[in-house]
Amino acid sequence: METSSIKNGFTGLIVSLTLLAGIVFFSYAALQGDYGLFRLFQVRAQKAGLERELDALHEQHAALENRTRRLSTDYLDLDLLDEQARKVLGMARGDEIIIR
């Protein structure tokens, strides 16, 4: 009689420890795993940073597109053309003062 109650107690202990180990494992995986909560927060923060970078690149693209349009044959901004030519050639007009 005593042997079967010891076996039942031992079996119950094994089952309890196995369940506890499973709960700990799945809890850890839910928090730290590849698809866990901490990874989710990290991906969201990375997404926000990349969206800010994308917005900055859109602004830079719009500025460059505007300058390109101003140098095109359809719409020629003579001041911008003069500025770019002097910048590339390293020249200045006689009435200008150059400060470096």
PDB file of N, CA and C in Angstrom:
ATOM      1  N   MET A   1       0.807  -1.173   0.000  1.00  0.00           N
ATOM      2  CA  MET A   1       0.000   0.000   0.000  1.00  0.00           C
ATOM      3  C   MET A   1       0.862   1.253   0.000  1.00  0.00           C
ATOM      4  N   GLU A   2       1.849   1.250   0.809  1.00  0.00           N
ATOM      5  CA  GLU A   2       2.715   2.420   0.904  1.00  0.00           C
ATOM      6  C   GLU A   2       3.486   2.644  -0.388  1.00  0.00           C
ATOM      7  N   THR A   3       3.847   1.623  -1.099  1.00  0.00           N
ATOM      8  CA  THR A   3       4.623   1.743  -2.327  1.00  0.00           C
ATOM      9  C   THR A   3       3.826   2.458  -3.412  1.00  0.00           C
ATOM     10  N   SER A   4       2.540   2.138  -3.531  1.00  0.00           N
ATOM     11  CA  SER A   4       1.743   2.775  -4.576  1.00  0.00           C
ATOM     12  C   SER A   4       1.491   4.251  -4.250  1.00  0.00           C
ATOM     13  N   SER A   5       1.346   4.600  -2.991  1.00  0.00           N
ATOM     14  CA  SER A   5       1.139   6.005  -2.635  1.00  0.00           C
ATOM     15  C   SER A   5       2.425   6.800  -2.855  1.00  0.00           C
ATOM     16  N   ILE A   6       3.574   6.171  -2.640  1.00  0.00           N
ATOM     17  CA  ILE A   6       4.847   6.841  -2.916  1.00  0.00           C
ATOM     18  C   ILE A   6       4.998   7.038  -4.422  1.00  0.00           C
ATOM     19  N   LYS A   7       4.619   6.000  -5.211  1.00  0.00           N
ATOM     20  CA  LYS A   7       4.703   6.129  -6.672  1.00  0.00           C
ATOM     21  C   LYS A   7       3.754   7.212  -7.169  1.00  0.00           C
ATOM     22  N   ASN A   8       2.542   7.270  -6.609  1.00  0.00           N
ATOM     23  CA  ASN A   8       1.582   8.301  -7.013  1.00  0.00           C
ATOM     24  C   ASN A   8       2.098   9.691  -6.652  1.00  0.00           C
ATOM     25  N   GLY A   9       2.703   9.837  -5.491  1.00  0.00           N
ATOM     26  CA  GLY A   9       3.280  11.122  -5.069  1.00  0.00           C
ATOM     27  C   GLY A   9       4.451  11.509  -5.963  1.00  0.00           C
ATOM     28  N   PHE A  10       5.298  10.532  -6.300  1.00  0.00           N
ATOM     29  CA  PHE A  10       6.449  10.790  -7.171  1.00  0.00           C
ATOM     30  C   PHE A  10       5.974  11.162  -8.574  1.00  0.00           C
ATOM     31  N   THR A  11       4.956  10.458  -9.082  1.00  0.00           N
ATOM     32  CA  THR A  11       4.410  10.754 -10.406  1.00  0.00           C
ATOM     33  C   THR A  11       3.792  12.148 -10.415  1.00  0.00           C
ATOM     34  N   GLY A  12       3.089  12.506  -9.385  1.00  0.00           N
ATOM     35  CA  GLY A  12       2.499  13.844  -9.268  1.00  0.00           C
ATOM     36  C   GLY A  12       3.572  14.919  -9.246  1.00  0.00           C
ATOM     37  N   LEU A  13       4.669  14.651  -8.547  1.00  0.00           N
ATOM     38  CA  LEU A  13       5.779  15.593  -8.492  1.00  0.00           C
ATOM     39  C   LEU A  13       6.408  15.772  -9.870  1.00  0.00           C
ATOM     40  N   ILE A  14       6.602  14.665 -10.585  1.00  0.00           N
ATOM     41  CA  ILE A  14       7.179  14.721 -11.934  1.00  0.00           C
ATOM     42  C   ILE A  14       6.267  15.526 -12.860  1.00  0.00           C
ATOM     43  N   VAL A  15       4.974  15.257 -12.808  1.00  0.00           N
ATOM     44  CA  VAL A  15       4.019  15.976 -13.653  1.00  0.00           C
ATOM     45  C   VAL A  15       4.016  17.462 -13.311  1.00  0.00           C
ATOM     46  N   SER A  16       4.019  17.779 -12.030  1.00  0.00           N
ATOM     47  CA  SER A  16       4.031  19.182 -11.598  1.00  0.00           C
ATOM     48  C   SER A  16       5.290  19.896 -12.070  1.00  0.00           C
ATOM     49  N   LEU A  17       6.454  19.255 -11.924  1.00  0.00           N
ATOM     50  CA  LEU A  17       7.711  19.867 -12.366  1.00  0.00           C
ATOM     51  C   LEU A  17       7.749  20.039 -13.883  1.00  0.00           C
ATOM     52  N   THR A  18       7.191  19.057 -14.594  1.00  0.00           N
ATOM     53  CA  THR A  18       7.140  19.156 -16.056  1.00  0.00           C
ATOM     54  C   THR A  18       6.243  20.319 -16.475  1.00  0.00           C
ATOM     55  N   LEU A  19       5.099  20.461 -15.840  1.00  0.00           N
ATOM     56  CA  LEU A  19       4.199  21.571 -16.148  1.00  0.00           C
ATOM     57  C   LEU A  19       4.846  22.914 -15.803  1.00  0.00           C
ATOM     58  N   LEU A  20       5.515  22.983 -14.674  1.00  0.00           N
ATOM     59  CA  LEU A  20       6.200  24.196 -14.263  1.00  0.00           C
ATOM     60  C   LEU A  20       7.307  24.564 -15.259  1.00  0.00           C
ATOM     61  N   ALA A  21       8.052  23.554 -15.689  1.00  0.00           N
ATOM     62  CA  ALA A  21       9.107  23.796 -16.679  1.00  0.00           C
ATOM     63  C   ALA A  21       8.502  24.289 -17.996  1.00  0.00           C
ATOM     64  N   GLY A  22       7.375  23.719 -18.410  1.00  0.00           N
ATOM     65  CA  GLY A  22       6.709  24.160 -19.628  1.00  0.00           C
ATOM     66  C   GLY A  22       6.210  25.590 -19.519  1.00  0.00           C
ATOM     67  N   ILE A  23       5.645  25.929 -18.374  1.00  0.00           N
ATOM     68  CA  ILE A  23       5.165  27.300 -18.154  1.00  0.00           C
ATOM     69  C   ILE A  23       6.323  28.288 -18.188  1.00  0.00           C
ATOM     70  N   VAL A  24       7.418  27.952 -17.539  1.00  0.00           N
ATOM     71  CA  VAL A  24       8.595  28.827 -17.535  1.00  0.00           C
ATOM     72  C   VAL A  24       9.147  28.983 -18.950  1.00  0.00           C
ATOM     73  N   PHE A  25       9.255  27.889 -19.674  1.00  0.00           N
ATOM     74  CA  PHE A  25       9.785  27.940 -21.035  1.00  0.00           C
ATOM     75  C   PHE A  25       8.928  28.818 -21.935  1.00  0.00           C
ATOM     76  N   PHE A  26       7.624  28.607 -21.923  1.00  0.00           N
ATOM     77  CA  PHE A  26       6.747  29.375 -22.801  1.00  0.00           C
ATOM     78  C   PHE A  26       6.650  30.840 -22.371  1.00  0.00           C
ATOM     79  N   SER A  27       6.732  31.104 -21.087  1.00  0.00           N
ATOM     80  CA  SER A  27       6.755  32.495 -20.624  1.00  0.00           C
ATOM     81  C   SER A  27       8.014  33.202 -21.105  1.00  0.00           C
ATOM     82  N   TYR A  28       9.144  32.532 -20.994  1.00  0.00           N
ATOM     83  CA  TYR A  28      10.402  33.103 -21.475  1.00  0.00           C
ATOM     84  C   TYR A  28      10.349  33.339 -22.989  1.00  0.00           C
ATOM     85  N   ALA A  29       9.809  32.378 -23.721  1.00  0.00           N
ATOM     86  CA  ALA A  29       9.708  32.513 -25.178  1.00  0.00           C
ATOM     87  C   ALA A  29       8.764  33.655 -25.556  1.00  0.00           C
ATOM     88  N   ALA A  30       7.705  33.847 -24.784  1.00  0.00           N
ATOM     89  CA  ALA A  30       6.759  34.921 -25.076  1.00  0.00           C
ATOM     90  C   ALA A  30       7.381  36.292 -24.848  1.00  0.00           C
ATOM     91  N   LEU A  31       8.339  36.385 -23.957  1.00  0.00           N
ATOM     92  CA  LEU A  31       8.989  37.665 -23.687  1.00  0.00           C
ATOM     93  C   LEU A  31      10.267  37.862 -24.486  1.00  0.00           C
ATOM     94  N   GLN A  32      11.139  36.878 -24.502  1.00  0.00           N
ATOM     95  CA  GLN A  32      12.476  37.028 -25.058  1.00  0.00           C
ATOM     96  C   GLN A  32      12.677  36.373 -26.414  1.00  0.00           C
ATOM     97  N   GLY A  33      11.751  35.619 -26.893  1.00  0.00           N
ATOM     98  CA  GLY A  33      11.945  34.860 -28.123  1.00  0.00           C
ATOM     99  C   GLY A  33      11.980  35.739 -29.367  1.00  0.00           C
ATOM    100  N   ASP A  34      12.156  35.108 -30.511  1.00  0.00           N
ATOM    101  CA  ASP A  34      12.217  35.826 -31.786  1.00  0.00           C
ATOM    102  C   ASP A  34      10.926  36.591 -32.069  1.00  0.00           C
ATOM    103  N   TYR A  35       9.817  36.118 -31.590  1.00  0.00           N
ATOM    104  CA  TYR A  35       8.531  36.763 -31.803  1.00  0.00           C
ATOM    105  C   TYR A  35       7.926  37.235 -30.486  1.00  0.00           C
ATOM    106  N   GLY A  36       8.753  37.479 -29.489  1.00  0.00           N
ATOM    107  CA  GLY A  36       8.292  37.884 -28.171  1.00  0.00           C
ATOM    108  C   GLY A  36       8.002  39.367 -28.073  1.00  0.00           C
ATOM    109  N   LEU A  37       7.562  39.777 -26.891  1.00  0.00           N
ATOM    110  CA  LEU A  37       7.179  41.162 -26.673  1.00  0.00           C
ATOM    111  C   LEU A  37       8.364  42.115 -26.786  1.00  0.00           C
ATOM    112  N   PHE A  38       9.508  41.743 -26.245  1.00  0.00           N
ATOM    113  CA  PHE A  38      10.665  42.637 -26.311  1.00  0.00           C
ATOM    114  C   PHE A  38      11.098  42.847 -27.759  1.00  0.00           C
ATOM    115  N   ARG A  39      11.032  41.828 -28.560  1.00  0.00           N
ATOM    116  CA  ARG A  39      11.366  41.956 -29.986  1.00  0.00           C
ATOM    117  C   ARG A  39      10.340  42.849 -30.695  1.00  0.00           C
ATOM    118  N   LEU A  40       9.077  42.733 -30.306  1.00  0.00           N
ATOM    119  CA  LEU A  40       8.027  43.574 -30.869  1.00  0.00           C
ATOM    120  C   LEU A  40       8.303  45.045 -30.578  1.00  0.00           C
ATOM    121  N   PHE A  41       8.669  45.359 -29.332  1.00  0.00           N
ATOM    122  CA  PHE A  41       8.986  46.743 -28.977  1.00  0.00           C
ATOM    123  C   PHE A  41      10.203  47.237 -29.744  1.00  0.00           C
ATOM    124  N   GLN A  42      11.185  46.379 -29.926  1.00  0.00           N
ATOM    125  CA  GLN A  42      12.392  46.746 -30.662  1.00  0.00           C
ATOM    126  C   GLN A  42      12.059  47.027 -32.125  1.00  0.00           C
ATOM    127  N   VAL A  43      11.233  46.206 -32.724  1.00  0.00           N
ATOM    128  CA  VAL A  43      10.858  46.389 -34.124  1.00  0.00           C
ATOM    129  C   VAL A  43      10.035  47.664 -34.291  1.00  0.00           C
ATOM    130  N   ARG A  44       9.149  47.949 -33.347  1.00  0.00           N
ATOM    131  CA  ARG A  44       8.354  49.180 -33.425  1.00  0.00           C
ATOM    132  C   ARG A  44       9.244  50.415 -33.319  1.00  0.00           C
ATOM    133  N   ALA A  45      10.222  50.392 -32.431  1.00  0.00           N
ATOM    134  CA  ALA A  45      11.143  51.524 -32.298  1.00  0.00           C
ATOM    135  C   ALA A  45      11.973  51.687 -33.563  1.00  0.00           C
ATOM    136  N   GLN A  46      12.417  50.582 -34.136  1.00  0.00           N
ATOM    137  CA  GLN A  46      13.187  50.636 -35.378  1.00  0.00           C
ATOM    138  C   GLN A  46      12.317  51.180 -36.510  1.00  0.00           C
ATOM    139  N   LYS A  47      11.058  50.792 -36.547  1.00  0.00           N
ATOM    140  CA  LYS A  47      10.138  51.279 -37.573  1.00  0.00           C
ATOM    141  C   LYS A  47       9.967  52.792 -37.462  1.00  0.00           C
ATOM    142  N   ALA A  48       9.810  53.288 -36.239  1.00  0.00           N
ATOM    143  CA  ALA A  48       9.645  54.728 -36.034  1.00  0.00           C
ATOM    144  C   ALA A  48      10.887  55.487 -36.502  1.00  0.00           C
ATOM    145  N   GLY A  49      12.062  54.957 -36.196  1.00  0.00           N
ATOM    146  CA  GLY A  49      13.299  55.595 -36.637  1.00  0.00           C
ATOM    147  C   GLY A  49      13.436  55.607 -38.146  1.00  0.00           C
ATOM    148  N   LEU A  50      13.082  54.505 -38.774  1.00  0.00           N
ATOM    149  CA  LEU A  50      13.159  54.425 -40.230  1.00  0.00           C
ATOM    150  C   LEU A  50      12.136  55.340 -40.899  1.00  0.00           C
ATOM    151  N   GLU A  51      10.965  55.508 -40.276  1.00  0.00           N
ATOM    152  CA  GLU A  51       9.969  56.421 -40.834  1.00  0.00           C
ATOM    153  C   GLU A  51      10.450  57.864 -40.756  1.00  0.00           C
ATOM    154  N   ARG A  52      11.124  58.231 -39.646  1.00  0.00           N
ATOM    155  CA  ARG A  52      11.692  59.578 -39.541  1.00  0.00           C
ATOM    156  C   ARG A  52      12.769  59.788 -40.605  1.00  0.00           C
ATOM    157  N   GLU A  53      13.600  58.778 -40.812  1.00  0.00           N
ATOM    158  CA  GLU A  53      14.647  58.866 -41.836  1.00  0.00           C
ATOM    159  C   GLU A  53      14.031  58.990 -43.229  1.00  0.00           C
ATOM    160  N   LEU A  54      12.957  58.262 -43.478  1.00  0.00           N
ATOM    161  CA  LEU A  54      12.268  58.335 -44.763  1.00  0.00           C
ATOM    162  C   LEU A  54      11.689  59.727 -44.993  1.00  0.00           C
ATOM    163  N   ASP A  55      11.102  60.322 -43.954  1.00  0.00           N
ATOM    164  CA  ASP A  55      10.568  61.678 -44.079  1.00  0.00           C
ATOM    165  C   ASP A  55      11.675  62.667 -44.412  1.00  0.00           C
ATOM    166  N   ALA A  56      12.823  62.532 -43.761  1.00  0.00           N
ATOM    167  CA  ALA A  56      13.954  63.424 -44.041  1.00  0.00           C
ATOM    168  C   ALA A  56      14.437  63.241 -45.478  1.00  0.00           C
ATOM    169  N   LEU A  57      14.462  62.005 -45.945  1.00  0.00           N
ATOM    170  CA  LEU A  57      14.884  61.746 -47.321  1.00  0.00           C
ATOM    171  C   LEU A  57      13.878  62.299 -48.330  1.00  0.00           C
ATOM    172  N   HIS A  58      12.589  62.247 -47.995  1.00  0.00           N
ATOM    173  CA  HIS A  58      11.574  62.831 -48.882  1.00  0.00           C
ATOM    174  C   HIS A  58      11.773  64.345 -48.997  1.00  0.00           C
ATOM    175  N   GLU A  59      12.070  64.987 -47.852  1.00  0.00           N
ATOM    176  CA  GLU A  59      12.319  66.431 -47.877  1.00  0.00           C
ATOM    177  C   GLU A  59      13.558  66.758 -48.704  1.00  0.00           C
ATOM    178  N   GLN A  60      14.604  65.971 -48.525  1.00  0.00           N
ATOM    179  CA  GLN A  60      15.836  66.193 -49.288  1.00  0.00           C
ATOM    180  C   GLN A  60      15.581  65.971 -50.784  1.00  0.00           C
ATOM    181  N   HIS A  61      14.810  64.957 -51.107  1.00  0.00           N
ATOM    182  CA  HIS A  61      14.480  64.678 -52.507  1.00  0.00           C
ATOM    183  C   HIS A  61      13.690  65.830 -53.111  1.00  0.00           C
ATOM    184  N   ALA A  62      12.727  66.370 -52.364  1.00  0.00           N
ATOM    185  CA  ALA A  62      11.925  67.485 -52.870  1.00  0.00           C
ATOM    186  C   ALA A  62      12.808  68.710 -53.110  1.00  0.00           C
ATOM    187  N   ALA A  63      13.756  68.976 -52.211  1.00  0.00           N
ATOM    188  CA  ALA A  63      14.659  70.118 -52.383  1.00  0.00           C
ATOM    189  C   ALA A  63      15.533  69.931 -53.617  1.00  0.00           C
ATOM    190  N   LEU A  64      16.065  68.726 -53.803  1.00  0.00           N
ATOM    191  CA  LEU A  64      16.890  68.467 -54.979  1.00  0.00           C
ATOM    192  C   LEU A  64      16.068  68.529 -56.270  1.00  0.00           C
ATOM    193  N   GLU A  65      14.858  68.053 -56.213  1.00  0.00           N
ATOM    194  CA  GLU A  65      13.985  68.103 -57.374  1.00  0.00           C
ATOM    195  C   GLU A  65      13.678  69.561 -57.747  1.00  0.00           C
ATOM    196  N   ASN A  66      13.484  70.398 -56.729  1.00  0.00           N
ATOM    197  CA  ASN A  66      13.230  71.819 -56.971  1.00  0.00           C
ATOM    198  C   ASN A  66      14.439  72.480 -57.626  1.00  0.00           C
ATOM    199  N   ARG A  67      15.624  72.188 -57.124  1.00  0.00           N
ATOM    200  CA  ARG A  67      16.840  72.769 -57.718  1.00  0.00           C
ATOM    201  C   ARG A  67      17.048  72.261 -59.144  1.00  0.00           C
ATOM    202  N   THR A  68      16.764  71.012 -59.377  1.00  0.00           N
ATOM    203  CA  THR A  68      16.897  70.459 -60.724  1.00  0.00           C
ATOM    204  C   THR A  68      15.914  71.121 -61.677  1.00  0.00           C
ATOM    205  N   ARG A  69      14.699  71.318 -61.209  1.00  0.00           N
ATOM    206  CA  ARG A  69      13.683  71.983 -62.039  1.00  0.00           C
ATOM    207  C   ARG A  69      14.111  73.410 -62.354  1.00  0.00           C
ATOM    208  N   ARG A  70      14.713  74.089 -61.380  1.00  0.00           N
ATOM    209  CA  ARG A  70      15.142  75.473 -61.592  1.00  0.00           C
ATOM    210  C   ARG A  70      16.314  75.578 -62.570  1.00  0.00           C
ATOM    211  N   LEU A  71      17.048  74.485 -62.763  1.00  0.00           N
ATOM    212  CA  LEU A  71      18.149  74.496 -63.726  1.00  0.00           C
ATOM    213  C   LEU A  71      17.757  73.904 -65.077  1.00  0.00           C
ATOM    214  N   SER A  72      16.514  73.461 -65.219  1.00  0.00           N
ATOM    215  CA  SER A  72      16.085  72.831 -66.472  1.00  0.00           C
ATOM    216  C   SER A  72      15.866  73.889 -67.551  1.00  0.00           C
ATOM    217  N   THR A  73      15.709  73.460 -68.783  1.00  0.00           N
ATOM    218  CA  THR A  73      15.517  74.390 -69.902  1.00  0.00           C
ATOM    219  C   THR A  73      14.133  75.024 -69.883  1.00  0.00           C
ATOM    220  N   ASP A  74      13.143  74.366 -69.262  1.00  0.00           N
ATOM    221  CA  ASP A  74      11.793  74.930 -69.198  1.00  0.00           C
ATOM    222  C   ASP A  74      11.723  76.117 -68.241  1.00  0.00           C
ATOM    223  N   TYR A  75      12.458  76.047 -67.160  1.00  0.00           N
ATOM    224  CA  TYR A  75      12.427  77.088 -66.142  1.00  0.00           C
ATOM    225  C   TYR A  75      13.866  77.318 -65.716  1.00  0.00           C
ATOM    226  N   LEU A  76      14.476  78.378 -66.175  1.00  0.00           N
ATOM    227  CA  LEU A  76      15.880  78.624 -65.895  1.00  0.00           C
ATOM    228  C   LEU A  76      16.002  79.768 -64.896  1.00  0.00           C
ATOM    229  N   ASP A  77      16.525  79.480 -63.728  1.00  0.00           N
ATOM    230  CA  ASP A  77      16.778  80.484 -62.702  1.00  0.00           C
ATOM    231  C   ASP A  77      18.216  80.964 -62.902  1.00  0.00           C
ATOM    232  N   LEU A  78      18.354  82.170 -63.419  1.00  0.00           N
ATOM    233  CA  LEU A  78      19.677  82.675 -63.762  1.00  0.00           C
ATOM    234  C   LEU A  78      20.572  82.858 -62.537  1.00  0.00           C
ATOM    235  N   ASP A  79      19.991  83.234 -61.409  1.00  0.00           N
ATOM    236  CA  ASP A  79      20.787  83.385 -60.184  1.00  0.00           C
ATOM    237  C   ASP A  79      21.372  82.046 -59.745  1.00  0.00           C
ATOM    238  N   LEU A  80      20.553  81.007 -59.801  1.00  0.00           N
ATOM    239  CA  LEU A  80      21.038  79.683 -59.422  1.00  0.00           C
ATOM    240  C   LEU A  80      22.076  79.184 -60.407  1.00  0.00           C
ATOM    241  N   LEU A  81      21.859  79.422 -61.684  1.00  0.00           N
ATOM    242  CA  LEU A  81      22.830  79.017 -62.696  1.00  0.00           C
ATOM    243  C   LEU A  81      24.159  79.737 -62.485  1.00  0.00           C
ATOM    244  N   ASP A  82      24.095  81.039 -62.215  1.00  0.00           N
ATOM    245  CA  ASP A  82      25.301  81.826 -61.964  1.00  0.00           C
ATOM    246  C   ASP A  82      26.027  81.317 -60.727  1.00  0.00           C
ATOM    247  N   GLU A  83      25.275  81.038 -59.671  1.00  0.00           N
ATOM    248  CA  GLU A  83      25.874  80.533 -58.427  1.00  0.00           C
ATOM    249  C   GLU A  83      26.568  79.190 -58.654  1.00  0.00           C
ATOM    250  N   GLN A  84      25.916  78.287 -59.358  1.00  0.00           N
ATOM    251  CA  GLN A  84      26.495  76.967 -59.600  1.00  0.00           C
ATOM    252  C   GLN A  84      27.726  77.051 -60.495  1.00  0.00           C
ATOM    253  N   ALA A  85      27.667  77.915 -61.519  1.00  0.00           N
ATOM    254  CA  ALA A  85      28.814  78.050 -62.417  1.00  0.00           C
ATOM    255  C   ALA A  85      30.019  78.607 -61.679  1.00  0.00           C
ATOM    256  N   ARG A  86      29.807  79.633 -60.849  1.00  0.00           N
ATOM    257  CA  ARG A  86      30.925  80.205 -60.099  1.00  0.00           C
ATOM    258  C   ARG A  86      31.453  79.229 -59.054  1.00  0.00           C
ATOM    259  N   LYS A  87      30.569  78.434 -58.489  1.00  0.00           N
ATOM    260  CA  LYS A  87      30.989  77.442 -57.502  1.00  0.00           C
ATOM    261  C   LYS A  87      31.869  76.376 -58.153  1.00  0.00           C
ATOM    262  N   VAL A  88      31.468  75.912 -59.312  1.00  0.00           N
ATOM    263  CA  VAL A  88      32.221  74.862 -60.009  1.00  0.00           C
ATOM    264  C   VAL A  88      33.542  75.403 -60.546  1.00  0.00           C
ATOM    265  N   LEU A  89      33.503  76.599 -61.118  1.00  0.00           N
ATOM    266  CA  LEU A  89      34.704  77.169 -61.715  1.00  0.00           C
ATOM    267  C   LEU A  89      35.623  77.852 -60.704  1.00  0.00           C
ATOM    268  N   GLY A  90      35.106  78.143 -59.525  1.00  0.00           N
ATOM    269  CA  GLY A  90      35.909  78.806 -58.500  1.00  0.00           C
ATOM    270  C   GLY A  90      36.203  80.255 -58.858  1.00  0.00           C
ATOM    271  N   MET A  91      35.261  80.916 -59.484  1.00  0.00           N
ATOM    272  CA  MET A  91      35.459  82.291 -59.923  1.00  0.00           C
ATOM    273  C   MET A  91      34.463  83.207 -59.220  1.00  0.00           C
ATOM    274  N   ALA A  92      34.807  84.500 -59.197  1.00  0.00           N
ATOM    275  CA  ALA A  92      33.922  85.508 -58.635  1.00  0.00           C
ATOM    276  C   ALA A  92      33.953  86.736 -59.533  1.00  0.00           C
ATOM    277  N   ARG A  93      32.900  87.533 -59.433  1.00  0.00           N
ATOM    278  CA  ARG A  93      32.867  88.781 -60.209  1.00  0.00           C
ATOM    279  C   ARG A  93      33.785  89.798 -59.557  1.00  0.00           C
ATOM    280  N   GLY A  94      34.128  90.836 -60.305  1.00  0.00           N
ATOM    281  CA  GLY A  94      35.046  91.839 -59.796  1.00  0.00           C
ATOM    282  C   GLY A  94      34.504  92.659 -58.652  1.00  0.00           C
ATOM    283  N   ASP A  95      33.176  92.806 -58.564  1.00  0.00           N
ATOM    284  CA  ASP A  95      32.586  93.618 -57.504  1.00  0.00           C
ATOM    285  C   ASP A  95      32.211  92.814 -56.270  1.00  0.00           C
ATOM    286  N   GLU A  96      32.570  91.563 -56.202  1.00  0.00           N
ATOM    287  CA  GLU A  96      32.221  90.707 -55.064  1.00  0.00           C
ATOM    288  C   GLU A  96      33.385  90.615 -54.087  1.00  0.00           C
ATOM    289  N   ILE A  97      33.046  90.457 -52.823  1.00  0.00           N
ATOM    290  CA  ILE A  97      34.040  90.250 -51.763  1.00  0.00           C
ATOM    291  C   ILE A  97      33.913  88.796 -51.314  1.00  0.00           C
ATOM    292  N   ILE A  98      35.020  88.080 -51.307  1.00  0.00           N
ATOM    293  CA  ILE A  98      35.020  86.666 -50.928  1.00  0.00           C
ATOM    294  C   ILE A  98      35.546  86.543 -49.506  1.00  0.00           C
ATOM    295  N   ILE A  99      34.775  85.887 -48.641  1.00  0.00           N
ATOM    296  CA  ILE A  99      35.160  85.663 -47.245  1.00  0.00           C
ATOM    297  C   ILE A  99      35.317  84.169 -47.067  1.00  0.00           C
ATOM    298  N   ARG A 100      36.467  83.750 -46.549  1.00  0.00           N
ATOM    299  CA  ARG A 100      36.704  82.319 -46.335  1.00  0.00           C
ATOM    300  C   ARG A 100      36.919  82.034 -44.891  1.00  0.00           C
TER     301      ARG A 100
END
